[in-house]
Amino acid sequence: MIAYVTVGADDIDLARQFYCAFLPALGYHLEEGPEGLSFVLPRIPGQSVALPDFYVKPPFDGGPAGAGNGSMVAFEAEGQQQVRDLHAAALLAGGTDEGAPGFRAAYGAHFYVSYLRDPQGNKIALFSSNPAEPGRDR
């Protein structure tokens, strides 16, 4: 099981603005410290394994942050409207569009997704695969 994911950022203030535009709506709480941003999910008492945390930090080696070519972090939304809303909020908060919200022919009929780049260039997906919502035409 994945415990956490970390992406690099040179401008923590800009990263905070971007990620705070949508991660709190997905249940993440921001814990900020001298090493950067930690977005964590609520811990359930007695839970042995937590869901993945998401960290945004300057690189430990002191060099410039860089987006991984071919890497992407995907966050699950409650439904298609939340994907649209959070995609729009992330764009207003400094993100760039890498694929408008919608269905993709290559994926299942209920996989509704949008793609963004954060201000550092890291690729982010917001998706829903809620079977209770309308799917794409086959």
N, C-alpha and C. Protein backbone atom coordinates (compact mmCIF):
# COMPACT_ATOMS: atom_id res chain seq x y z
N MET A 1 0.85 -1.18 0.00
CA MET A 1 0.00 0.00 0.00
C MET A 1 0.89 1.24 0.00
N ILE A 2 0.52 2.24 -0.74
CA ILE A 2 1.28 3.49 -0.78
C ILE A 2 0.99 4.27 0.49
N ALA A 3 2.05 4.70 1.18
CA ALA A 3 1.90 5.45 2.43
C ALA A 3 1.90 6.96 2.19
N TYR A 4 2.73 7.42 1.24
CA TYR A 4 2.74 8.84 0.92
C TYR A 4 3.35 9.06 -0.45
N VAL A 5 3.06 10.24 -1.01
CA VAL A 5 3.62 10.67 -2.28
C VAL A 5 4.19 12.07 -2.03
N THR A 6 5.36 12.33 -2.58
CA THR A 6 5.98 13.65 -2.45
C THR A 6 6.27 14.21 -3.83
N VAL A 7 5.95 15.49 -4.02
CA VAL A 7 6.36 16.21 -5.23
C VAL A 7 7.18 17.40 -4.78
N GLY A 8 8.10 17.79 -5.64
CA GLY A 8 8.95 18.93 -5.32
C GLY A 8 8.33 20.24 -5.75
N ALA A 9 8.73 21.30 -5.03
CA ALA A 9 8.28 22.65 -5.38
C ALA A 9 9.37 23.65 -4.99
N ASP A 10 9.62 24.59 -5.86
CA ASP A 10 10.56 25.67 -5.55
C ASP A 10 9.86 26.82 -4.86
N ASP A 11 8.59 27.04 -5.16
CA ASP A 11 7.81 28.14 -4.59
C ASP A 11 6.70 27.54 -3.72
N ILE A 12 6.95 27.40 -2.44
CA ILE A 12 5.99 26.77 -1.54
C ILE A 12 4.70 27.59 -1.43
N ASP A 13 4.80 28.92 -1.47
CA ASP A 13 3.59 29.75 -1.39
C ASP A 13 2.67 29.50 -2.58
N LEU A 14 3.23 29.43 -3.77
CA LEU A 14 2.44 29.16 -4.97
C LEU A 14 1.87 27.74 -4.92
N ALA A 15 2.67 26.78 -4.44
CA ALA A 15 2.19 25.40 -4.30
C ALA A 15 1.04 25.33 -3.30
N ARG A 16 1.17 26.04 -2.18
CA ARG A 16 0.09 26.06 -1.17
C ARG A 16 -1.21 26.58 -1.79
N GLN A 17 -1.11 27.67 -2.53
CA GLN A 17 -2.29 28.25 -3.18
C GLN A 17 -2.95 27.23 -4.11
N PHE A 18 -2.15 26.54 -4.93
CA PHE A 18 -2.68 25.57 -5.88
C PHE A 18 -3.33 24.39 -5.16
N TYR A 19 -2.61 23.72 -4.28
CA TYR A 19 -3.12 22.51 -3.65
C TYR A 19 -4.25 22.79 -2.67
N CYS A 20 -4.23 23.95 -2.03
CA CYS A 20 -5.33 24.29 -1.11
C CYS A 20 -6.62 24.62 -1.86
N ALA A 21 -6.53 24.79 -3.18
CA ALA A 21 -7.73 25.05 -3.99
C ALA A 21 -8.59 23.80 -4.14
N PHE A 22 -8.01 22.59 -3.93
CA PHE A 22 -8.83 21.40 -4.12
C PHE A 22 -8.62 20.29 -3.09
N LEU A 23 -7.46 20.15 -2.50
CA LEU A 23 -7.25 19.03 -1.59
C LEU A 23 -8.13 19.07 -0.33
N PRO A 24 -8.39 20.23 0.29
CA PRO A 24 -9.30 20.22 1.44
C PRO A 24 -10.70 19.69 1.09
N ALA A 25 -11.16 19.94 -0.12
CA ALA A 25 -12.48 19.43 -0.54
C ALA A 25 -12.49 17.91 -0.66
N LEU A 26 -11.30 17.31 -0.76
CA LEU A 26 -11.19 15.85 -0.85
C LEU A 26 -10.87 15.23 0.51
N GLY A 27 -10.92 16.04 1.56
CA GLY A 27 -10.73 15.54 2.91
C GLY A 27 -9.33 15.72 3.48
N TYR A 28 -8.41 16.31 2.72
CA TYR A 28 -7.05 16.50 3.19
C TYR A 28 -6.96 17.73 4.08
N HIS A 29 -6.15 17.63 5.12
CA HIS A 29 -5.88 18.72 6.04
C HIS A 29 -4.42 19.13 5.86
N LEU A 30 -4.16 20.42 5.80
CA LEU A 30 -2.80 20.92 5.62
C LEU A 30 -2.09 21.03 6.95
N GLU A 31 -0.93 20.41 7.03
CA GLU A 31 0.00 20.58 8.15
C GLU A 31 1.26 21.17 7.55
N GLU A 32 1.59 22.39 7.96
CA GLU A 32 2.73 23.08 7.37
C GLU A 32 3.87 23.15 8.36
N GLY A 33 5.06 22.90 7.88
CA GLY A 33 6.24 22.95 8.73
C GLY A 33 7.42 23.51 7.97
N PRO A 34 8.57 23.54 8.61
CA PRO A 34 9.75 24.11 7.96
C PRO A 34 10.21 23.33 6.73
N GLU A 35 9.79 22.07 6.62
CA GLU A 35 10.19 21.26 5.47
C GLU A 35 9.21 21.35 4.30
N GLY A 36 8.09 22.07 4.46
CA GLY A 36 7.14 22.20 3.36
C GLY A 36 5.72 21.90 3.79
N LEU A 37 4.93 21.43 2.85
CA LEU A 37 3.50 21.19 3.04
C LEU A 37 3.23 19.70 3.18
N SER A 38 2.41 19.35 4.15
CA SER A 38 1.97 17.97 4.33
C SER A 38 0.45 17.97 4.31
N PHE A 39 -0.14 17.31 3.32
CA PHE A 39 -1.58 17.16 3.24
C PHE A 39 -1.90 15.76 3.72
N VAL A 40 -2.66 15.68 4.81
CA VAL A 40 -2.94 14.39 5.43
C VAL A 40 -4.44 14.16 5.52
N LEU A 41 -4.81 12.90 5.47
CA LEU A 41 -6.20 12.50 5.64
C LEU A 41 -6.46 12.20 7.11
N PRO A 42 -7.70 12.31 7.55
CA PRO A 42 -8.00 12.03 8.97
C PRO A 42 -7.62 10.60 9.34
N ARG A 43 -7.09 10.45 10.51
CA ARG A 43 -6.73 9.14 11.04
C ARG A 43 -7.93 8.57 11.79
N ILE A 44 -8.26 7.36 11.50
CA ILE A 44 -9.37 6.68 12.17
C ILE A 44 -8.79 5.89 13.33
N PRO A 45 -9.31 6.10 14.55
CA PRO A 45 -8.78 5.35 15.70
C PRO A 45 -8.82 3.85 15.43
N GLY A 46 -7.72 3.20 15.74
CA GLY A 46 -7.62 1.77 15.53
C GLY A 46 -7.22 1.37 14.12
N GLN A 47 -7.14 2.32 13.23
CA GLN A 47 -6.75 2.04 11.85
C GLN A 47 -5.25 1.75 11.80
N SER A 48 -4.88 0.61 11.25
CA SER A 48 -3.47 0.24 11.24
C SER A 48 -2.70 0.90 10.10
N VAL A 49 -3.36 1.15 8.99
CA VAL A 49 -2.70 1.75 7.84
C VAL A 49 -3.52 2.96 7.40
N ALA A 50 -2.85 4.08 7.28
CA ALA A 50 -3.53 5.30 6.84
C ALA A 50 -3.53 5.36 5.31
N LEU A 51 -4.47 6.09 4.79
CA LEU A 51 -4.48 6.34 3.35
C LEU A 51 -3.30 7.23 3.01
N PRO A 52 -2.89 7.28 1.76
CA PRO A 52 -1.67 8.03 1.42
C PRO A 52 -1.75 9.53 1.76
N ASP A 53 -0.68 10.01 2.37
CA ASP A 53 -0.50 11.44 2.57
C ASP A 53 0.16 11.99 1.31
N PHE A 54 0.09 13.32 1.16
CA PHE A 54 0.65 13.98 -0.01
C PHE A 54 1.51 15.13 0.47
N TYR A 55 2.79 15.12 0.11
CA TYR A 55 3.73 16.12 0.56
C TYR A 55 4.21 16.97 -0.61
N VAL A 56 4.38 18.25 -0.35
CA VAL A 56 4.94 19.19 -1.32
C VAL A 56 6.10 19.87 -0.61
N LYS A 57 7.31 19.60 -1.11
CA LYS A 57 8.50 20.05 -0.39
C LYS A 57 9.60 20.47 -1.35
N PRO A 58 10.46 21.38 -0.90
CA PRO A 58 11.66 21.66 -1.71
C PRO A 58 12.52 20.40 -1.74
N PRO A 59 13.24 20.14 -2.83
CA PRO A 59 14.10 18.96 -2.88
C PRO A 59 15.13 18.97 -1.75
N PHE A 60 15.36 17.82 -1.17
CA PHE A 60 16.29 17.70 -0.04
C PHE A 60 17.73 18.00 -0.45
N ASP A 61 18.06 17.80 -1.73
CA ASP A 61 19.44 18.03 -2.16
C ASP A 61 19.74 19.50 -2.42
N GLY A 62 18.73 20.38 -2.26
CA GLY A 62 18.93 21.81 -2.46
C GLY A 62 18.87 22.24 -3.91
N GLY A 63 18.77 21.31 -4.82
CA GLY A 63 18.68 21.65 -6.24
C GLY A 63 17.27 22.08 -6.61
N PRO A 64 17.09 22.50 -7.85
CA PRO A 64 15.75 22.92 -8.28
C PRO A 64 14.81 21.72 -8.39
N ALA A 65 13.54 21.96 -8.09
CA ALA A 65 12.52 20.93 -8.25
C ALA A 65 12.23 20.75 -9.73
N GLY A 66 11.86 19.54 -10.09
CA GLY A 66 11.49 19.26 -11.47
C GLY A 66 10.38 18.23 -11.49
N ALA A 67 9.49 18.39 -12.44
CA ALA A 67 8.39 17.43 -12.59
C ALA A 67 8.91 16.16 -13.25
N GLY A 68 8.44 15.02 -12.77
CA GLY A 68 8.84 13.75 -13.35
C GLY A 68 8.16 13.52 -14.69
N ASN A 69 8.93 13.20 -15.70
CA ASN A 69 8.37 12.91 -17.01
C ASN A 69 7.68 11.55 -16.96
N GLY A 70 6.39 11.53 -17.16
CA GLY A 70 5.62 10.30 -17.13
C GLY A 70 5.02 10.00 -15.77
N SER A 71 5.32 10.82 -14.76
CA SER A 71 4.72 10.58 -13.45
C SER A 71 3.48 11.46 -13.27
N MET A 72 2.54 10.97 -12.46
CA MET A 72 1.29 11.68 -12.22
C MET A 72 0.73 11.19 -10.90
N VAL A 73 0.06 12.10 -10.19
CA VAL A 73 -0.64 11.74 -8.96
C VAL A 73 -2.13 11.96 -9.22
N ALA A 74 -2.94 10.96 -8.90
CA ALA A 74 -4.39 11.04 -9.13
C ALA A 74 -5.12 11.10 -7.79
N PHE A 75 -6.10 12.00 -7.71
CA PHE A 75 -6.93 12.15 -6.53
C PHE A 75 -8.38 11.83 -6.91
N GLU A 76 -9.04 11.00 -6.09
CA GLU A 76 -10.41 10.60 -6.37
C GLU A 76 -11.40 11.60 -5.77
N ALA A 77 -12.32 12.05 -6.59
CA ALA A 77 -13.40 12.95 -6.18
C ALA A 77 -14.68 12.14 -5.96
N GLU A 78 -15.66 12.78 -5.35
CA GLU A 78 -16.94 12.10 -5.07
C GLU A 78 -17.77 11.88 -6.31
N GLY A 79 -17.66 12.79 -7.27
CA GLY A 79 -18.49 12.68 -8.46
C GLY A 79 -18.00 13.61 -9.55
N GLN A 80 -18.70 13.56 -10.67
CA GLN A 80 -18.31 14.33 -11.85
C GLN A 80 -18.36 15.83 -11.60
N GLN A 81 -19.36 16.31 -10.89
CA GLN A 81 -19.44 17.75 -10.62
C GLN A 81 -18.27 18.21 -9.77
N GLN A 82 -17.86 17.39 -8.80
CA GLN A 82 -16.72 17.77 -7.98
C GLN A 82 -15.44 17.79 -8.82
N VAL A 83 -15.30 16.88 -9.76
CA VAL A 83 -14.14 16.92 -10.66
C VAL A 83 -14.13 18.26 -11.41
N ARG A 84 -15.27 18.66 -11.96
CA ARG A 84 -15.35 19.93 -12.70
C ARG A 84 -15.04 21.11 -11.79
N ASP A 85 -15.65 21.13 -10.60
CA ASP A 85 -15.45 22.24 -9.67
C ASP A 85 -14.00 22.36 -9.22
N LEU A 86 -13.38 21.23 -8.88
CA LEU A 86 -12.02 21.27 -8.37
C LEU A 86 -11.01 21.56 -9.48
N HIS A 87 -11.29 21.09 -10.68
CA HIS A 87 -10.44 21.42 -11.83
C HIS A 87 -10.44 22.94 -12.05
N ALA A 88 -11.62 23.55 -12.02
CA ALA A 88 -11.73 24.99 -12.21
C ALA A 88 -11.03 25.75 -11.09
N ALA A 89 -11.19 25.30 -9.85
CA ALA A 89 -10.55 25.96 -8.71
C ALA A 89 -9.03 25.86 -8.82
N ALA A 90 -8.53 24.71 -9.25
CA ALA A 90 -7.08 24.54 -9.38
C ALA A 90 -6.52 25.42 -10.49
N LEU A 91 -7.26 25.61 -11.57
CA LEU A 91 -6.81 26.51 -12.63
C LEU A 91 -6.74 27.95 -12.13
N LEU A 92 -7.74 28.36 -11.38
CA LEU A 92 -7.74 29.71 -10.82
C LEU A 92 -6.62 29.91 -9.80
N ALA A 93 -6.14 28.83 -9.23
CA ALA A 93 -5.10 28.90 -8.21
C ALA A 93 -3.70 28.70 -8.79
N GLY A 94 -3.55 28.83 -10.09
CA GLY A 94 -2.22 28.79 -10.69
C GLY A 94 -1.89 27.54 -11.48
N GLY A 95 -2.81 26.60 -11.58
CA GLY A 95 -2.56 25.39 -12.37
C GLY A 95 -2.76 25.64 -13.85
N THR A 96 -2.32 24.71 -14.66
CA THR A 96 -2.56 24.77 -16.10
C THR A 96 -3.29 23.51 -16.53
N ASP A 97 -4.13 23.68 -17.53
CA ASP A 97 -4.98 22.60 -18.01
C ASP A 97 -4.17 21.61 -18.85
N GLU A 98 -4.34 20.34 -18.56
CA GLU A 98 -3.72 19.27 -19.34
C GLU A 98 -4.77 18.33 -19.90
N GLY A 99 -6.04 18.67 -19.72
CA GLY A 99 -7.13 17.84 -20.21
C GLY A 99 -8.40 18.18 -19.45
N ALA A 100 -9.34 18.79 -20.12
CA ALA A 100 -10.59 19.24 -19.48
C ALA A 100 -11.36 18.05 -18.91
N PRO A 101 -12.18 18.30 -17.91
CA PRO A 101 -12.99 17.22 -17.33
C PRO A 101 -13.85 16.54 -18.39
N GLY A 102 -13.89 15.23 -18.33
CA GLY A 102 -14.72 14.48 -19.25
C GLY A 102 -14.35 13.01 -19.25
N PHE A 103 -15.02 12.28 -20.10
CA PHE A 103 -14.75 10.85 -20.27
C PHE A 103 -13.64 10.70 -21.31
N ARG A 104 -12.90 9.62 -21.22
CA ARG A 104 -11.86 9.31 -22.19
C ARG A 104 -12.17 7.93 -22.77
N ALA A 105 -12.10 7.84 -24.08
CA ALA A 105 -12.46 6.59 -24.76
C ALA A 105 -11.60 5.41 -24.30
N ALA A 106 -10.38 5.69 -23.88
CA ALA A 106 -9.46 4.62 -23.50
C ALA A 106 -9.77 4.00 -22.14
N TYR A 107 -10.65 4.63 -21.37
CA TYR A 107 -10.93 4.16 -20.01
C TYR A 107 -12.37 3.68 -19.91
N GLY A 108 -12.73 3.13 -18.75
CA GLY A 108 -14.07 2.60 -18.53
C GLY A 108 -15.16 3.64 -18.69
N ALA A 109 -16.36 3.16 -18.88
CA ALA A 109 -17.51 4.02 -19.18
C ALA A 109 -17.84 5.00 -18.06
N HIS A 110 -17.41 4.74 -16.84
CA HIS A 110 -17.72 5.63 -15.72
C HIS A 110 -16.51 6.41 -15.21
N PHE A 111 -15.39 6.29 -15.89
CA PHE A 111 -14.17 6.98 -15.46
C PHE A 111 -14.17 8.39 -16.03
N TYR A 112 -14.47 9.36 -15.15
CA TYR A 112 -14.57 10.77 -15.52
C TYR A 112 -13.34 11.46 -14.93
N VAL A 113 -12.56 12.15 -15.75
CA VAL A 113 -11.25 12.61 -15.30
C VAL A 113 -10.88 13.97 -15.89
N SER A 114 -10.07 14.69 -15.15
CA SER A 114 -9.45 15.91 -15.67
C SER A 114 -7.97 15.86 -15.32
N TYR A 115 -7.17 16.59 -16.08
CA TYR A 115 -5.74 16.61 -15.87
C TYR A 115 -5.25 18.04 -15.75
N LEU A 116 -4.29 18.24 -14.85
CA LEU A 116 -3.73 19.57 -14.58
C LEU A 116 -2.22 19.44 -14.41
N ARG A 117 -1.56 20.58 -14.46
CA ARG A 117 -0.18 20.69 -14.00
C ARG A 117 -0.18 21.71 -12.88
N ASP A 118 0.54 21.39 -11.80
CA ASP A 118 0.68 22.36 -10.72
C ASP A 118 1.69 23.43 -11.17
N PRO A 119 1.88 24.49 -10.39
CA PRO A 119 2.80 25.55 -10.83
C PRO A 119 4.23 25.09 -11.08
N GLN A 120 4.64 23.97 -10.50
CA GLN A 120 5.99 23.44 -10.71
C GLN A 120 6.06 22.54 -11.94
N GLY A 121 4.89 22.14 -12.47
CA GLY A 121 4.84 21.27 -13.64
C GLY A 121 4.48 19.83 -13.34
N ASN A 122 4.22 19.49 -12.07
CA ASN A 122 3.81 18.14 -11.72
C ASN A 122 2.41 17.87 -12.27
N LYS A 123 2.21 16.69 -12.85
CA LYS A 123 0.92 16.35 -13.43
C LYS A 123 0.01 15.76 -12.36
N ILE A 124 -1.23 16.27 -12.34
CA ILE A 124 -2.24 15.88 -11.35
C ILE A 124 -3.51 15.47 -12.10
N ALA A 125 -4.13 14.38 -11.66
CA ALA A 125 -5.43 13.97 -12.19
C ALA A 125 -6.46 14.07 -11.07
N LEU A 126 -7.65 14.49 -11.44
CA LEU A 126 -8.82 14.47 -10.55
C LEU A 126 -9.84 13.59 -11.25
N PHE A 127 -10.33 12.55 -10.56
CA PHE A 127 -11.21 11.63 -11.25
C PHE A 127 -12.35 11.15 -10.35
N SER A 128 -13.37 10.65 -11.01
CA SER A 128 -14.48 9.95 -10.35
C SER A 128 -14.85 8.77 -11.22
N SER A 129 -15.16 7.68 -10.56
CA SER A 129 -15.66 6.51 -11.30
C SER A 129 -16.92 6.00 -10.63
N ASN A 130 -17.75 6.93 -10.21
CA ASN A 130 -18.98 6.64 -9.48
C ASN A 130 -19.99 5.95 -10.39
N PRO A 131 -20.31 4.68 -10.16
CA PRO A 131 -21.25 3.96 -11.03
C PRO A 131 -22.68 4.46 -10.92
N ALA A 132 -22.99 5.28 -9.90
CA ALA A 132 -24.34 5.82 -9.75
C ALA A 132 -24.57 7.01 -10.68
N GLU A 133 -23.51 7.53 -11.28
CA GLU A 133 -23.65 8.68 -12.19
C GLU A 133 -23.68 8.19 -13.64
N PRO A 134 -24.21 9.03 -14.53
CA PRO A 134 -24.25 8.64 -15.94
C PRO A 134 -22.84 8.38 -16.48
N GLY A 135 -22.71 7.38 -17.31
CA GLY A 135 -21.44 7.07 -17.95
C GLY A 135 -21.41 7.62 -19.35
N ARG A 136 -20.29 7.47 -19.99
CA ARG A 136 -20.17 7.93 -21.38
C ARG A 136 -20.92 6.99 -22.30
N ASP A 137 -21.30 7.52 -23.44
CA ASP A 137 -21.90 6.67 -24.46
C ASP A 137 -20.83 5.72 -24.98
N ARG A 138 -21.22 4.51 -25.21
CA ARG A 138 -20.22 3.52 -25.65
C ARG A 138 -19.96 3.62 -27.12
